Structures are given as structure tokens and as C-alpha cells.
Amino acid sequence: MVKNGKVYGHLLAQFIQQGIFPDDIKKALSKTLLNPAATANGETKLLLVLRKYNEIKKVGVALVAHIAEGILFESLNGKIFKRGKKRRIRIECVEVATGQVYSFSALTEVKLVNGV
């Protein structure tokens, strides 16, 4: 019996070889093919590339990955954070009100705080 991961890899390789993707997506997919993550959320680099092609852009929303270190942002629950350093695949951010450190996915959508 063929494992699902091998079937996925075989199918993905066929699509890459057809040349239907832009170069940046092709490169990200090729890296995924070499070492696929166990979940879609583990494919941060691939998802960041794919998001560039979203036709619907959300106004006033940014990904934590696209915010510079030291910039303030508001999470969806209204808390204010200061963006910190990237740690492997997650980003450390400090809640301004409490000083507590939280770990954010690079793909988390947030609002930039005005005046920064």
C-alpha cells in the first residue's frame, strides 16, 4: 500500500513539472516536496507566498511576518503587542499592558497601531 505522503509528493511533483505556477510558488512547492510538514500550518513559507496571490486584500490588516521588529500591533481580541524576534517559525511578541511574552504564527492577521 502507498502512503498518503508519497501520493501527495508524486502529485505535487507532476504539477510542478507542468510549469503552471509562477517561479516563487514553484520554488516554495519544491521545498515542500523535499520535506513536507505534517500540517498545512507547518508550511509557513509556502502559505506566505500563496497569500501574495489573494485577490481580496483586507484593508488595515497585516501579517505578523510582515511587521518590523519593535512595531506595535493589535490582535483580533484587542490586546496591544510589540513585535519581537523570530524564533524558528514563530515570532515572540510582548503584550504591552502586562509584559507577558506570546508566541505568534507568522501568518496571524493583526491591525497596526496608529501613530507608530
N, C-alpha and C. Protein backbone atom coordinates (compact mmCIF):
# COMPACT_ATOMS: atom_id res chain seq x y z
N MET A 1 0.84 -1.19 0.00
CA MET A 1 0.00 0.00 0.00
C MET A 1 0.89 1.25 0.00
N VAL A 2 0.52 2.26 -0.79
CA VAL A 2 1.27 3.51 -0.88
C VAL A 2 0.80 4.46 0.21
N LYS A 3 1.75 5.07 0.90
CA LYS A 3 1.40 6.02 1.96
C LYS A 3 0.90 7.32 1.35
N ASN A 4 -0.01 7.99 2.07
CA ASN A 4 -0.59 9.24 1.59
C ASN A 4 0.46 10.29 1.27
N GLY A 5 1.51 10.38 2.08
CA GLY A 5 2.57 11.36 1.85
C GLY A 5 3.27 11.14 0.52
N LYS A 6 3.46 9.90 0.15
CA LYS A 6 4.11 9.61 -1.13
C LYS A 6 3.19 9.95 -2.30
N VAL A 7 1.92 9.69 -2.14
CA VAL A 7 0.95 10.05 -3.19
C VAL A 7 0.92 11.57 -3.34
N TYR A 8 0.85 12.29 -2.23
CA TYR A 8 0.86 13.75 -2.25
C TYR A 8 2.11 14.26 -2.97
N GLY A 9 3.26 13.73 -2.60
CA GLY A 9 4.52 14.15 -3.21
C GLY A 9 4.55 13.87 -4.70
N HIS A 10 4.05 12.72 -5.10
CA HIS A 10 4.03 12.35 -6.52
C HIS A 10 3.12 13.31 -7.31
N LEU A 11 1.94 13.58 -6.77
CA LEU A 11 1.01 14.50 -7.43
C LEU A 11 1.58 15.92 -7.50
N LEU A 12 2.16 16.36 -6.41
CA LEU A 12 2.73 17.70 -6.36
C LEU A 12 3.86 17.84 -7.38
N ALA A 13 4.71 16.84 -7.46
CA ALA A 13 5.82 16.86 -8.43
C ALA A 13 5.29 16.97 -9.86
N GLN A 14 4.21 16.28 -10.16
CA GLN A 14 3.64 16.35 -11.51
C GLN A 14 3.15 17.77 -11.83
N PHE A 15 2.51 18.42 -10.86
CA PHE A 15 2.05 19.79 -11.08
C PHE A 15 3.22 20.75 -11.26
N ILE A 16 4.27 20.57 -10.46
CA ILE A 16 5.44 21.45 -10.56
C ILE A 16 6.07 21.30 -11.94
N GLN A 17 6.18 20.08 -12.43
CA GLN A 17 6.80 19.82 -13.73
C GLN A 17 6.00 20.40 -14.89
N GLN A 18 4.71 20.58 -14.72
CA GLN A 18 3.89 21.13 -15.79
C GLN A 18 4.13 22.62 -16.03
N GLY A 19 4.81 23.27 -15.11
CA GLY A 19 5.15 24.68 -15.28
C GLY A 19 3.96 25.62 -15.21
N ILE A 20 2.95 25.28 -14.42
CA ILE A 20 1.74 26.10 -14.35
C ILE A 20 1.81 27.17 -13.25
N PHE A 21 2.83 27.10 -12.40
CA PHE A 21 2.95 28.03 -11.28
C PHE A 21 3.99 29.10 -11.57
N PRO A 22 3.80 30.32 -11.00
CA PRO A 22 4.85 31.33 -11.05
C PRO A 22 6.11 30.81 -10.33
N ASP A 23 7.25 31.40 -10.63
CA ASP A 23 8.53 30.91 -10.08
C ASP A 23 8.57 30.88 -8.56
N ASP A 24 8.01 31.90 -7.89
CA ASP A 24 8.08 31.91 -6.42
C ASP A 24 7.25 30.78 -5.82
N ILE A 25 6.10 30.48 -6.40
CA ILE A 25 5.29 29.36 -5.91
C ILE A 25 5.98 28.04 -6.23
N LYS A 26 6.54 27.93 -7.41
CA LYS A 26 7.25 26.70 -7.80
C LYS A 26 8.40 26.42 -6.84
N LYS A 27 9.14 27.45 -6.48
CA LYS A 27 10.27 27.28 -5.54
C LYS A 27 9.77 26.82 -4.16
N ALA A 28 8.70 27.47 -3.66
CA ALA A 28 8.16 27.10 -2.35
C ALA A 28 7.60 25.68 -2.37
N LEU A 29 6.91 25.31 -3.44
CA LEU A 29 6.36 23.96 -3.55
C LEU A 29 7.48 22.92 -3.63
N SER A 30 8.55 23.24 -4.32
CA SER A 30 9.68 22.31 -4.43
C SER A 30 10.31 22.05 -3.07
N LYS A 31 10.41 23.09 -2.24
CA LYS A 31 10.94 22.92 -0.89
C LYS A 31 9.99 22.06 -0.06
N THR A 32 8.70 22.27 -0.23
CA THR A 32 7.70 21.47 0.48
C THR A 32 7.81 20.01 0.09
N LEU A 33 8.07 19.78 -1.17
CA LEU A 33 8.20 18.42 -1.68
C LEU A 33 9.37 17.68 -1.03
N LEU A 34 10.46 18.40 -0.76
CA LEU A 34 11.64 17.80 -0.14
C LEU A 34 11.39 17.41 1.31
N ASN A 35 10.61 18.23 2.02
CA ASN A 35 10.38 17.98 3.43
C ASN A 35 8.98 18.49 3.82
N PRO A 36 7.93 17.75 3.46
CA PRO A 36 6.57 18.23 3.75
C PRO A 36 6.29 18.27 5.24
N ALA A 37 5.55 19.31 5.63
CA ALA A 37 5.14 19.44 7.04
C ALA A 37 3.96 18.52 7.31
N ALA A 38 3.76 18.23 8.57
CA ALA A 38 2.66 17.34 8.96
C ALA A 38 1.30 18.01 8.79
N THR A 39 1.28 19.35 8.86
CA THR A 39 0.02 20.08 8.72
C THR A 39 0.22 21.25 7.77
N ALA A 40 -0.88 21.77 7.26
CA ALA A 40 -0.80 22.94 6.37
C ALA A 40 -0.20 24.14 7.10
N ASN A 41 -0.50 24.30 8.39
CA ASN A 41 0.04 25.43 9.14
C ASN A 41 1.55 25.34 9.32
N GLY A 42 2.11 24.17 9.11
CA GLY A 42 3.56 24.00 9.19
C GLY A 42 4.27 24.49 7.95
N GLU A 43 3.53 24.81 6.93
CA GLU A 43 4.09 25.28 5.65
C GLU A 43 4.05 26.80 5.59
N THR A 44 4.62 27.47 6.58
CA THR A 44 4.55 28.92 6.68
C THR A 44 5.08 29.62 5.44
N LYS A 45 6.26 29.24 4.97
CA LYS A 45 6.86 29.91 3.81
C LYS A 45 5.98 29.75 2.57
N LEU A 46 5.45 28.56 2.37
CA LEU A 46 4.57 28.34 1.23
C LEU A 46 3.31 29.18 1.35
N LEU A 47 2.72 29.22 2.53
CA LEU A 47 1.49 29.99 2.72
C LEU A 47 1.72 31.49 2.54
N LEU A 48 2.89 31.99 2.96
CA LEU A 48 3.20 33.41 2.76
C LEU A 48 3.29 33.73 1.27
N VAL A 49 3.90 32.85 0.50
CA VAL A 49 4.00 33.06 -0.95
C VAL A 49 2.61 33.01 -1.58
N LEU A 50 1.81 32.04 -1.20
CA LEU A 50 0.47 31.90 -1.79
C LEU A 50 -0.42 33.10 -1.46
N ARG A 51 -0.25 33.68 -0.27
CA ARG A 51 -1.08 34.82 0.13
C ARG A 51 -0.84 36.04 -0.75
N LYS A 52 0.32 36.13 -1.37
CA LYS A 52 0.59 37.25 -2.27
C LYS A 52 -0.38 37.26 -3.45
N TYR A 53 -0.94 36.11 -3.75
CA TYR A 53 -1.83 35.98 -4.91
C TYR A 53 -3.31 36.07 -4.55
N ASN A 54 -3.62 36.33 -3.28
CA ASN A 54 -5.02 36.54 -2.89
C ASN A 54 -5.55 37.77 -3.61
N GLU A 55 -6.67 37.63 -4.27
CA GLU A 55 -7.25 38.77 -4.98
C GLU A 55 -7.92 39.75 -4.03
N ILE A 56 -8.44 39.26 -2.93
CA ILE A 56 -9.11 40.12 -1.96
C ILE A 56 -8.10 40.51 -0.89
N LYS A 57 -7.81 41.80 -0.80
CA LYS A 57 -6.88 42.32 0.19
C LYS A 57 -7.67 42.95 1.33
N LYS A 58 -7.32 42.61 2.55
CA LYS A 58 -8.00 43.17 3.71
C LYS A 58 -7.35 44.51 4.08
N VAL A 59 -8.14 45.54 4.13
CA VAL A 59 -7.65 46.88 4.45
C VAL A 59 -7.35 46.98 5.94
N GLY A 60 -6.20 47.52 6.28
CA GLY A 60 -5.83 47.72 7.67
C GLY A 60 -5.35 46.48 8.39
N VAL A 61 -5.16 45.38 7.65
CA VAL A 61 -4.73 44.12 8.25
C VAL A 61 -3.35 43.77 7.70
N ALA A 62 -2.47 43.29 8.58
CA ALA A 62 -1.14 42.86 8.19
C ALA A 62 -0.85 41.51 8.83
N LEU A 63 0.07 40.78 8.25
CA LEU A 63 0.54 39.54 8.85
C LEU A 63 1.68 39.86 9.80
N VAL A 64 1.77 39.17 10.90
CA VAL A 64 2.86 39.41 11.86
C VAL A 64 4.22 39.28 11.16
N ALA A 65 4.33 38.37 10.19
CA ALA A 65 5.58 38.18 9.46
C ALA A 65 6.01 39.44 8.71
N HIS A 66 5.05 40.28 8.33
CA HIS A 66 5.35 41.47 7.54
C HIS A 66 5.53 42.73 8.36
N ILE A 67 5.49 42.60 9.67
CA ILE A 67 5.67 43.75 10.57
C ILE A 67 7.12 43.75 11.06
N ALA A 68 7.72 44.92 11.06
CA ALA A 68 9.11 45.03 11.52
C ALA A 68 9.19 44.86 13.03
N GLU A 69 10.33 44.37 13.48
CA GLU A 69 10.57 44.20 14.91
C GLU A 69 10.44 45.55 15.63
N GLY A 70 9.74 45.55 16.77
CA GLY A 70 9.57 46.76 17.57
C GLY A 70 8.29 47.53 17.27
N ILE A 71 7.58 47.15 16.23
CA ILE A 71 6.33 47.84 15.85
C ILE A 71 5.17 47.31 16.69
N LEU A 72 4.26 48.21 17.06
CA LEU A 72 3.08 47.83 17.84
C LEU A 72 1.95 47.40 16.92
N PHE A 73 1.21 46.38 17.37
CA PHE A 73 0.04 45.93 16.63
C PHE A 73 -1.03 45.49 17.61
N GLU A 74 -2.25 45.41 17.09
CA GLU A 74 -3.39 44.98 17.89
C GLU A 74 -3.86 43.62 17.39
N SER A 75 -4.02 42.69 18.31
CA SER A 75 -4.53 41.36 17.96
C SER A 75 -6.03 41.45 17.74
N LEU A 76 -6.60 40.40 17.21
CA LEU A 76 -8.04 40.40 16.94
C LEU A 76 -8.88 40.50 18.21
N ASN A 77 -8.28 40.14 19.36
CA ASN A 77 -9.03 40.25 20.62
C ASN A 77 -8.80 41.60 21.30
N GLY A 78 -8.13 42.54 20.61
CA GLY A 78 -7.97 43.90 21.11
C GLY A 78 -6.75 44.18 21.95
N LYS A 79 -5.92 43.20 22.21
CA LYS A 79 -4.71 43.42 23.00
C LYS A 79 -3.61 44.02 22.12
N ILE A 80 -2.79 44.88 22.74
CA ILE A 80 -1.70 45.55 22.02
C ILE A 80 -0.39 44.81 22.31
N PHE A 81 0.37 44.54 21.24
CA PHE A 81 1.63 43.81 21.34
C PHE A 81 2.73 44.57 20.62
N LYS A 82 3.95 44.30 21.07
CA LYS A 82 5.14 44.80 20.39
C LYS A 82 5.81 43.60 19.73
N ARG A 83 6.02 43.71 18.42
CA ARG A 83 6.60 42.59 17.67
C ARG A 83 8.06 42.39 18.07
N GLY A 84 8.41 41.14 18.37
CA GLY A 84 9.77 40.81 18.77
C GLY A 84 10.49 39.99 17.72
N LYS A 85 11.42 39.19 18.18
CA LYS A 85 12.27 38.40 17.30
C LYS A 85 11.59 37.11 16.83
N LYS A 86 11.99 36.68 15.66
CA LYS A 86 11.51 35.42 15.13
C LYS A 86 12.30 34.29 15.79
N ARG A 87 11.60 33.28 16.26
CA ARG A 87 12.20 32.10 16.88
C ARG A 87 11.81 30.89 16.04
N ARG A 88 12.72 30.43 15.23
CA ARG A 88 12.46 29.34 14.28
C ARG A 88 11.30 29.70 13.37
N ILE A 89 10.09 29.21 13.67
CA ILE A 89 8.97 29.52 12.78
C ILE A 89 7.93 30.43 13.42
N ARG A 90 8.04 30.69 14.70
CA ARG A 90 7.08 31.56 15.38
C ARG A 90 7.77 32.86 15.78
N ILE A 91 6.96 33.86 16.12
CA ILE A 91 7.50 35.18 16.44
C ILE A 91 7.09 35.56 17.86
N GLU A 92 8.07 35.91 18.68
CA GLU A 92 7.80 36.35 20.05
C GLU A 92 7.32 37.78 20.03
N CYS A 93 6.23 38.03 20.74
CA CYS A 93 5.68 39.38 20.86
C CYS A 93 5.32 39.62 22.33
N VAL A 94 5.50 40.87 22.77
CA VAL A 94 5.25 41.21 24.16
C VAL A 94 3.96 42.01 24.26
N GLU A 95 3.05 41.55 25.14
CA GLU A 95 1.83 42.31 25.38
C GLU A 95 2.23 43.57 26.15
N VAL A 96 1.88 44.72 25.62
CA VAL A 96 2.30 46.00 26.19
C VAL A 96 1.76 46.18 27.61
N ALA A 97 0.51 45.85 27.86
CA ALA A 97 -0.12 46.09 29.17
C ALA A 97 0.46 45.24 30.28
N THR A 98 0.87 44.01 29.98
CA THR A 98 1.31 43.08 31.04
C THR A 98 2.78 42.70 30.98
N GLY A 99 3.42 42.89 29.84
CA GLY A 99 4.81 42.47 29.68
C GLY A 99 4.96 40.98 29.41
N GLN A 100 3.83 40.27 29.30
CA GLN A 100 3.89 38.84 29.02
C GLN A 100 4.31 38.59 27.57
N VAL A 101 5.10 37.55 27.38
CA VAL A 101 5.56 37.19 26.04
C VAL A 101 4.65 36.13 25.46
N TYR A 102 4.22 36.37 24.23
CA TYR A 102 3.37 35.44 23.50
C TYR A 102 4.08 35.02 22.22
N SER A 103 3.76 33.84 21.75
CA SER A 103 4.33 33.31 20.52
C SER A 103 3.25 33.34 19.44
N PHE A 104 3.52 34.07 18.36
CA PHE A 104 2.56 34.22 17.26
C PHE A 104 3.03 33.46 16.03
N SER A 105 2.08 32.91 15.31
CA SER A 105 2.38 32.38 13.98
C SER A 105 2.67 33.57 13.08
N ALA A 106 3.59 33.39 12.14
CA ALA A 106 3.90 34.44 11.18
C ALA A 106 2.68 34.80 10.34
N LEU A 107 1.72 33.90 10.26
CA LEU A 107 0.53 34.08 9.43
C LEU A 107 -0.63 34.75 10.15
N THR A 108 -0.45 35.13 11.41
CA THR A 108 -1.52 35.74 12.17
C THR A 108 -1.84 37.12 11.61
N GLU A 109 -3.12 37.37 11.37
CA GLU A 109 -3.56 38.67 10.89
C GLU A 109 -3.80 39.60 12.07
N VAL A 110 -3.24 40.82 11.99
CA VAL A 110 -3.34 41.81 13.06
C VAL A 110 -3.56 43.19 12.44
N LYS A 111 -3.87 44.17 13.31
CA LYS A 111 -4.01 45.55 12.88
C LYS A 111 -2.83 46.35 13.42
N LEU A 112 -2.24 47.19 12.58
CA LEU A 112 -1.17 48.06 13.05
C LEU A 112 -1.77 49.14 13.93
N VAL A 113 -1.02 49.54 14.96
CA VAL A 113 -1.46 50.60 15.88
C VAL A 113 -1.06 51.93 15.26
N ASN A 114 -2.01 52.87 15.18
CA ASN A 114 -1.75 54.19 14.60
C ASN A 114 -0.72 54.96 15.41
N GLY A 115 0.02 55.81 14.73
CA GLY A 115 0.98 56.67 15.42
C GLY A 115 2.33 56.03 15.62
N VAL A 116 2.56 54.86 15.04
CA VAL A 116 3.86 54.20 15.21
C VAL A 116 4.68 54.40 13.96
